[in-house]
Amino acid sequence: MNTPLRGVLLVSAACLGLSGSEPPRGVPTYSASGIVQLARLKPGPVAPNTLMAIFGKELAWVTRFRTADDSSGDLLPILLSGTGVTVSVNGLAATIEMVSPEQVNFLLPPGVGSGTAEVRLVMNGRAGPAVKLELREIAPGMFTLEDGVALARHAENFEWIDHAKPALPGERISLYLTGLGATRPQQRYRTMPREEAEIERKADLRVSLDGVQIEASAVEYAGVMPGFPGIYEIRLILPPELPADPLVRVEIADEATQEDVRLITTAATSGENSDATAKALVAFQ
C-alpha cells in the first residue's frame, strides 16, 4: 500500500507511559492498559471492526507489516509469515496488521457483539495473559497526526490537510476514523472490504467544528473505506465560514471521538512547514 491509510501506526510504548518489570524471556507480557484502540491510543471501551494495538514486551521477535503476499484473495491473514504471532478475541482468531517486539496491531472482528471481549496474544506457542475489554456497539476514534491534528485530506486532489495545505471554506474533505460500528451491508470476518458500506447509525451521526454542528446534508458518506480493514471514512462539505483550526468532533448518540483533535484551516506562518506532517505519515507509507 502506498498511502498513509495503510491502517497501521508504529508507536513507542514508552511514549504511552507503559512500563513494568522485565518479563521472562520469550513470554509475551502486556496488560489491559496496553490494549488500546489504534486511533485513541488510550484504554477504554471498544467496538467491533476496530483497529487495535497491543503494547508490551516480548510480543514478537521480528517486525513485519501486512502485505498483499499475506492475503489469499480477499481473505485477510490471522498470522503474518515468519512471525508466529496470533491474537484471539473471545477465542476467535483476529486478523493481524503488524507485529513488532513491543507492538502488535490487529482488527477486532466484525460481529463480536457487545459486552466483554477476552483478548490473548500467543507467540510461537507462548501465551500471554487473557485480558478483558469492554465492548460497545460504537466507540469512535479519529486518527491524528502529531499534536492532535486530524488525519484528513482534500477531496479534490487527495492531498493531506496541514498548515501547508489547510482546509478551505466550502470544500469537500475526508476524515478517517475507526470504531463506527456496524455497516450495511455488514462487514465479514477476515474479509477485505472492497466496496463502500455506510454505517447503520448514519442518521444519528453528528460532525461539529468548535461545537457547532455541520448540517446533516453536508455529510455525504460515512462508512468503511474499501481496501483498508477497520478504517472508516467520513466525506463532508465544510461550511462557508470556518474558524481558525477548530476542534473537530464526531458523535453518534452518546459516543464521541476525542475532545482535543483539530482540523487545520490556517496557512503556515513564519517558521511553520509541513515537516511534522511528513514525519507523522512515514509509518503509513
Protein backbone atom coordinates (compact mmCIF):
# COMPACT_ATOMS: atom_id res chain seq x y z
CA MET A 1 0.00 0.00 0.00
CA ASN A 2 1.29 3.44 -0.83
CA THR A 3 -0.84 5.84 1.16
CA PRO A 4 -0.99 6.92 4.80
CA LEU A 5 -4.19 4.88 5.13
CA ARG A 6 -2.17 1.71 5.37
CA GLY A 7 -4.02 1.47 8.65
CA VAL A 8 -1.08 0.85 10.93
CA LEU A 9 0.87 3.23 13.08
CA LEU A 10 4.07 2.24 14.83
CA VAL A 11 4.16 3.94 18.23
CA SER A 12 6.68 3.56 21.01
CA ALA A 13 5.21 2.01 24.13
CA ALA A 14 7.42 4.38 26.12
CA CYS A 15 5.56 7.31 24.57
CA LEU A 16 2.36 5.95 26.10
CA GLY A 17 3.86 5.71 29.55
CA LEU A 18 3.76 1.93 29.60
CA SER A 19 6.43 0.31 31.73
CA GLY A 20 6.94 -2.54 34.10
CA SER A 21 9.28 -5.23 35.27
CA GLU A 22 11.19 -7.26 32.70
CA PRO A 23 9.14 -10.30 31.60
CA PRO A 24 10.53 -13.83 31.38
CA ARG A 25 12.45 -14.30 28.14
CA GLY A 26 10.16 -15.19 25.25
CA VAL A 27 6.87 -14.86 27.15
CA PRO A 28 4.51 -12.13 25.85
CA THR A 29 3.77 -9.63 28.58
CA TYR A 30 1.08 -6.94 28.47
CA SER A 31 -1.88 -5.67 30.48
CA ALA A 32 -5.31 -4.09 29.96
CA SER A 33 -3.76 -0.62 29.92
CA GLY A 34 -1.66 -1.63 26.92
CA ILE A 35 -4.50 -2.89 24.71
CA VAL A 36 -5.94 0.19 23.05
CA GLN A 37 -7.82 1.47 20.04
CA LEU A 38 -5.23 2.49 17.45
CA ALA A 39 -6.81 5.92 16.89
CA ARG A 40 -7.20 6.95 20.54
CA LEU A 41 -4.16 5.13 21.96
CA LYS A 42 -5.83 5.12 25.38
CA PRO A 43 -7.58 2.35 27.32
CA GLY A 44 -11.35 2.37 27.13
CA PRO A 45 -14.40 0.73 25.56
CA VAL A 46 -14.01 -0.55 22.00
CA ALA A 47 -16.33 -1.63 19.19
CA PRO A 48 -16.32 -4.45 16.63
CA ASN A 49 -14.39 -3.86 13.40
CA THR A 50 -11.92 -1.56 15.18
CA LEU A 51 -8.20 -1.31 14.61
CA MET A 52 -6.41 -2.14 17.86
CA ALA A 53 -2.88 -2.25 19.25
CA ILE A 54 -1.27 -4.34 21.98
CA PHE A 55 1.75 -2.72 23.66
CA GLY A 56 4.04 -4.79 25.81
CA LYS A 57 7.25 -6.81 25.85
CA GLU A 58 8.33 -9.98 24.02
CA LEU A 59 5.33 -9.77 21.70
CA ALA A 60 7.37 -10.88 18.67
CA TRP A 61 10.94 -11.50 17.57
CA VAL A 62 10.62 -9.61 14.28
CA THR A 63 8.90 -6.51 12.89
CA ARG A 64 6.55 -7.06 9.97
CA PHE A 65 3.63 -5.22 8.36
CA ARG A 66 0.85 -6.97 6.48
CA THR A 67 1.47 -7.08 2.72
CA ALA A 68 -0.51 -8.37 -0.24
CA ASP A 69 1.51 -11.59 -0.05
CA ASP A 70 -0.01 -12.36 3.36
CA SER A 71 -3.56 -12.45 1.99
CA SER A 72 -5.28 -15.06 -0.13
CA GLY A 73 -7.60 -13.14 -2.42
CA ASP A 74 -9.81 -11.12 -0.11
CA LEU A 75 -9.07 -13.35 2.90
CA LEU A 76 -7.08 -11.40 5.49
CA PRO A 77 -4.32 -13.17 7.46
CA ILE A 78 -4.53 -14.30 11.06
CA LEU A 79 -0.76 -14.93 11.00
CA LEU A 80 1.97 -12.98 9.21
CA SER A 81 4.51 -15.35 7.71
CA GLY A 82 7.62 -15.83 9.83
CA THR A 83 6.23 -14.12 12.95
CA GLY A 84 4.49 -16.87 14.93
CA VAL A 85 2.13 -14.26 16.43
CA THR A 86 -1.63 -14.72 16.73
CA VAL A 87 -4.29 -12.76 18.61
CA SER A 88 -7.63 -14.21 19.66
CA VAL A 89 -10.79 -12.32 20.61
CA ASN A 90 -13.27 -14.46 22.57
CA GLY A 91 -11.48 -17.47 21.09
CA LEU A 92 -11.80 -16.20 17.51
CA ALA A 93 -8.56 -15.52 15.62
CA ALA A 94 -8.21 -11.83 14.74
CA THR A 95 -6.64 -10.56 11.54
CA ILE A 96 -3.14 -9.15 12.03
CA GLU A 97 -1.94 -5.85 10.56
CA MET A 98 1.54 -5.51 12.09
CA VAL A 99 3.82 -7.19 14.61
CA SER A 100 6.93 -5.99 16.43
CA PRO A 101 8.60 -6.83 19.75
CA GLU A 102 6.68 -4.09 21.62
CA GLN A 103 3.56 -3.55 19.49
CA VAL A 104 1.07 -5.73 17.61
CA ASN A 105 -1.79 -4.23 15.59
CA PHE A 106 -4.91 -6.31 14.93
CA LEU A 107 -8.54 -5.93 13.92
CA LEU A 108 -11.35 -6.65 16.36
CA PRO A 109 -13.55 -8.94 14.27
CA PRO A 110 -16.87 -7.60 12.99
CA GLY A 111 -19.78 -9.25 14.71
CA VAL A 112 -18.13 -9.95 18.06
CA GLY A 113 -21.10 -8.18 19.61
CA SER A 114 -21.15 -6.12 22.79
CA GLY A 115 -20.42 -6.92 26.41
CA THR A 116 -16.94 -8.28 27.08
CA ALA A 117 -14.11 -9.29 24.79
CA GLU A 118 -11.30 -11.52 26.03
CA VAL A 119 -8.07 -10.80 24.14
CA ARG A 120 -4.99 -13.01 24.21
CA LEU A 121 -1.73 -12.91 22.23
CA VAL A 122 0.28 -16.07 21.54
CA MET A 123 3.81 -16.02 20.13
CA ASN A 124 5.31 -19.31 18.97
CA GLY A 125 3.15 -21.24 21.41
CA ARG A 126 3.91 -18.93 24.35
CA ALA A 127 0.64 -17.41 25.57
CA GLY A 128 0.27 -14.00 27.11
CA PRO A 129 -2.44 -13.23 29.66
CA ALA A 130 -6.14 -13.17 28.79
CA VAL A 131 -7.29 -9.55 29.11
CA LYS A 132 -10.93 -8.47 29.19
CA LEU A 133 -12.11 -5.35 27.33
CA GLU A 134 -15.47 -3.61 27.39
CA LEU A 135 -17.26 -3.94 24.06
CA ARG A 136 -19.79 -1.38 22.85
CA GLU A 137 -21.83 -1.13 19.67
CA ILE A 138 -19.94 2.06 18.75
CA ALA A 139 -16.72 3.54 20.18
CA PRO A 140 -15.38 6.07 17.66
CA GLY A 141 -11.83 7.34 17.48
CA MET A 142 -10.33 9.78 14.98
CA PHE A 143 -6.90 9.18 13.51
CA THR A 144 -4.49 12.05 14.05
CA LEU A 145 -1.11 13.34 13.02
CA GLU A 146 1.28 14.85 15.56
CA ASP A 147 -0.07 17.34 18.14
CA GLY A 148 -3.70 16.28 17.81
CA VAL A 149 -4.14 17.29 14.17
CA ALA A 150 -6.91 15.36 12.40
CA LEU A 151 -5.81 12.96 9.68
CA ALA A 152 -7.80 14.49 6.83
CA ARG A 153 -7.40 15.18 3.15
CA HIS A 154 -8.75 17.39 0.38
CA ALA A 155 -11.28 15.54 -1.78
CA GLU A 156 -10.31 17.37 -4.96
CA ASN A 157 -6.67 16.33 -5.10
CA PHE A 158 -6.36 13.80 -2.23
CA GLU A 159 -3.55 15.79 -0.62
CA TRP A 160 -3.24 15.74 3.16
CA ILE A 161 -4.52 18.70 5.16
CA ASP A 162 -1.93 20.57 7.21
CA HIS A 163 -0.68 24.13 7.65
CA ALA A 164 0.96 23.98 4.23
CA LYS A 165 -2.34 22.99 2.63
CA PRO A 166 -5.15 23.91 5.05
CA ALA A 167 -8.82 23.07 4.65
CA LEU A 168 -10.81 25.81 2.93
CA PRO A 169 -14.37 27.09 3.43
CA GLY A 170 -16.95 25.20 1.39
CA GLU A 171 -14.60 22.45 0.17
CA ARG A 172 -15.09 18.72 0.36
CA ILE A 173 -12.79 16.85 2.74
CA SER A 174 -12.42 13.37 4.22
CA LEU A 175 -11.83 12.40 7.86
CA TYR A 176 -10.55 8.99 8.93
CA LEU A 177 -11.77 7.06 11.96
CA THR A 178 -12.22 3.62 13.46
CA GLY A 179 -14.89 2.17 15.73
CA LEU A 180 -18.02 3.46 13.96
CA GLY A 181 -19.76 0.12 14.27
CA ALA A 182 -21.93 -1.99 12.01
CA THR A 183 -22.49 -1.22 8.35
CA ARG A 184 -24.95 -2.03 5.58
CA PRO A 185 -24.02 -4.46 4.17
CA GLN A 186 -22.26 -5.95 7.18
CA GLN A 187 -18.52 -6.49 7.16
CA ARG A 188 -17.50 -10.14 7.06
CA TYR A 189 -14.96 -11.90 9.23
CA ARG A 190 -11.42 -11.92 7.73
CA THR A 191 -12.68 -10.31 4.51
CA MET A 192 -11.05 -7.28 2.91
CA PRO A 193 -13.67 -4.54 2.30
CA ARG A 194 -13.87 -3.94 -1.45
CA GLU A 195 -17.00 -1.78 -1.69
CA GLU A 196 -18.35 1.19 0.21
CA ALA A 197 -20.77 0.34 3.01
CA GLU A 198 -22.38 3.07 5.11
CA ILE A 199 -22.67 2.78 8.87
CA GLU A 200 -26.02 1.65 10.22
CA ARG A 201 -26.25 4.69 12.50
CA LYS A 202 -25.55 7.36 9.85
CA ALA A 203 -28.84 9.11 10.68
CA ASP A 204 -27.54 9.62 14.25
CA LEU A 205 -24.09 10.87 13.20
CA ARG A 206 -23.11 14.45 14.01
CA VAL A 207 -19.94 16.30 12.99
CA SER A 208 -19.12 19.56 14.73
CA LEU A 209 -16.47 22.28 14.45
CA ASP A 210 -15.77 24.17 17.69
CA GLY A 211 -19.07 22.79 18.99
CA VAL A 212 -21.16 23.97 16.03
CA GLN A 213 -22.79 21.08 14.21
CA ILE A 214 -22.35 20.77 10.47
CA GLU A 215 -25.64 20.31 8.62
CA ALA A 216 -26.53 16.64 8.20
CA SER A 217 -26.98 17.15 4.46
CA ALA A 218 -23.30 18.18 4.23
CA VAL A 219 -22.19 14.69 5.36
CA GLU A 220 -22.11 12.85 2.05
CA TYR A 221 -20.74 9.50 3.22
CA ALA A 222 -19.89 7.76 6.47
CA GLY A 223 -18.74 4.19 6.12
CA VAL A 224 -15.89 1.78 5.53
CA MET A 225 -13.00 2.63 3.25
CA PRO A 226 -12.52 -0.03 0.59
CA GLY A 227 -9.13 -1.67 0.80
CA PHE A 228 -8.44 -0.65 4.41
CA PRO A 229 -9.77 -3.02 7.11
CA GLY A 230 -11.16 -1.28 10.18
CA ILE A 231 -10.88 2.24 8.74
CA TYR A 232 -13.97 4.38 8.23
CA GLU A 233 -14.16 7.50 6.07
CA ILE A 234 -16.43 10.50 6.55
CA ARG A 235 -16.78 12.69 3.46
CA LEU A 236 -18.31 16.07 4.07
CA ILE A 237 -18.65 19.62 2.76
CA LEU A 238 -17.23 22.27 5.07
CA PRO A 239 -19.38 25.33 5.89
CA PRO A 240 -18.79 28.61 4.01
CA GLU A 241 -17.22 30.16 7.10
CA LEU A 242 -14.52 28.36 9.07
CA PRO A 243 -12.96 29.24 12.43
CA ALA A 244 -9.19 29.02 12.78
CA ASP A 245 -8.09 25.41 13.37
CA PRO A 246 -11.37 24.36 15.02
CA LEU A 247 -11.83 21.36 17.26
CA VAL A 248 -13.46 18.66 15.15
CA ARG A 249 -15.62 16.01 16.75
CA VAL A 250 -17.77 13.14 15.53
CA GLU A 251 -20.65 11.87 17.67
CA ILE A 252 -23.13 9.04 17.37
CA ALA A 253 -25.74 9.07 20.14
CA ASP A 254 -23.72 9.27 23.38
CA GLU A 255 -20.43 8.09 21.85
CA ALA A 256 -17.88 10.62 20.56
CA THR A 257 -14.35 10.94 19.26
CA GLN A 258 -11.55 12.64 21.20
CA GLU A 259 -12.16 16.16 22.50
CA ASP A 260 -8.78 17.64 21.54
CA VAL A 261 -8.48 16.98 17.78
CA ARG A 262 -8.18 19.98 15.46
CA LEU A 263 -8.84 20.41 11.76
CA ILE A 264 -6.19 22.65 10.18
CA THR A 265 -7.78 25.65 8.43
CA THR A 266 -4.98 28.21 8.69
CA ALA A 267 -1.98 28.55 6.39
CA ALA A 268 1.60 28.24 7.57
CA THR A 269 3.17 31.25 9.22
CA SER A 270 6.84 32.09 9.52
CA GLY A 271 8.75 29.10 10.87
CA GLU A 272 5.96 26.62 10.15
CA ASN A 273 6.19 23.97 7.48
CA SER A 274 4.88 20.53 6.68
CA ASP A 275 7.86 18.63 8.12
CA ALA A 276 5.81 17.45 11.12
CA THR A 277 3.09 16.12 8.83
CA ALA A 278 5.57 14.31 6.61
CA LYS A 279 7.28 12.83 9.67
CA ALA A 280 3.98 11.67 11.15
CA LEU A 281 2.98 9.92 7.93
CA VAL A 282 6.17 7.94 7.45
CA ALA A 283 4.80 4.84 9.20
CA PHE A 284 1.80 4.79 6.84
CA GLN A 285 3.74 4.75 3.58
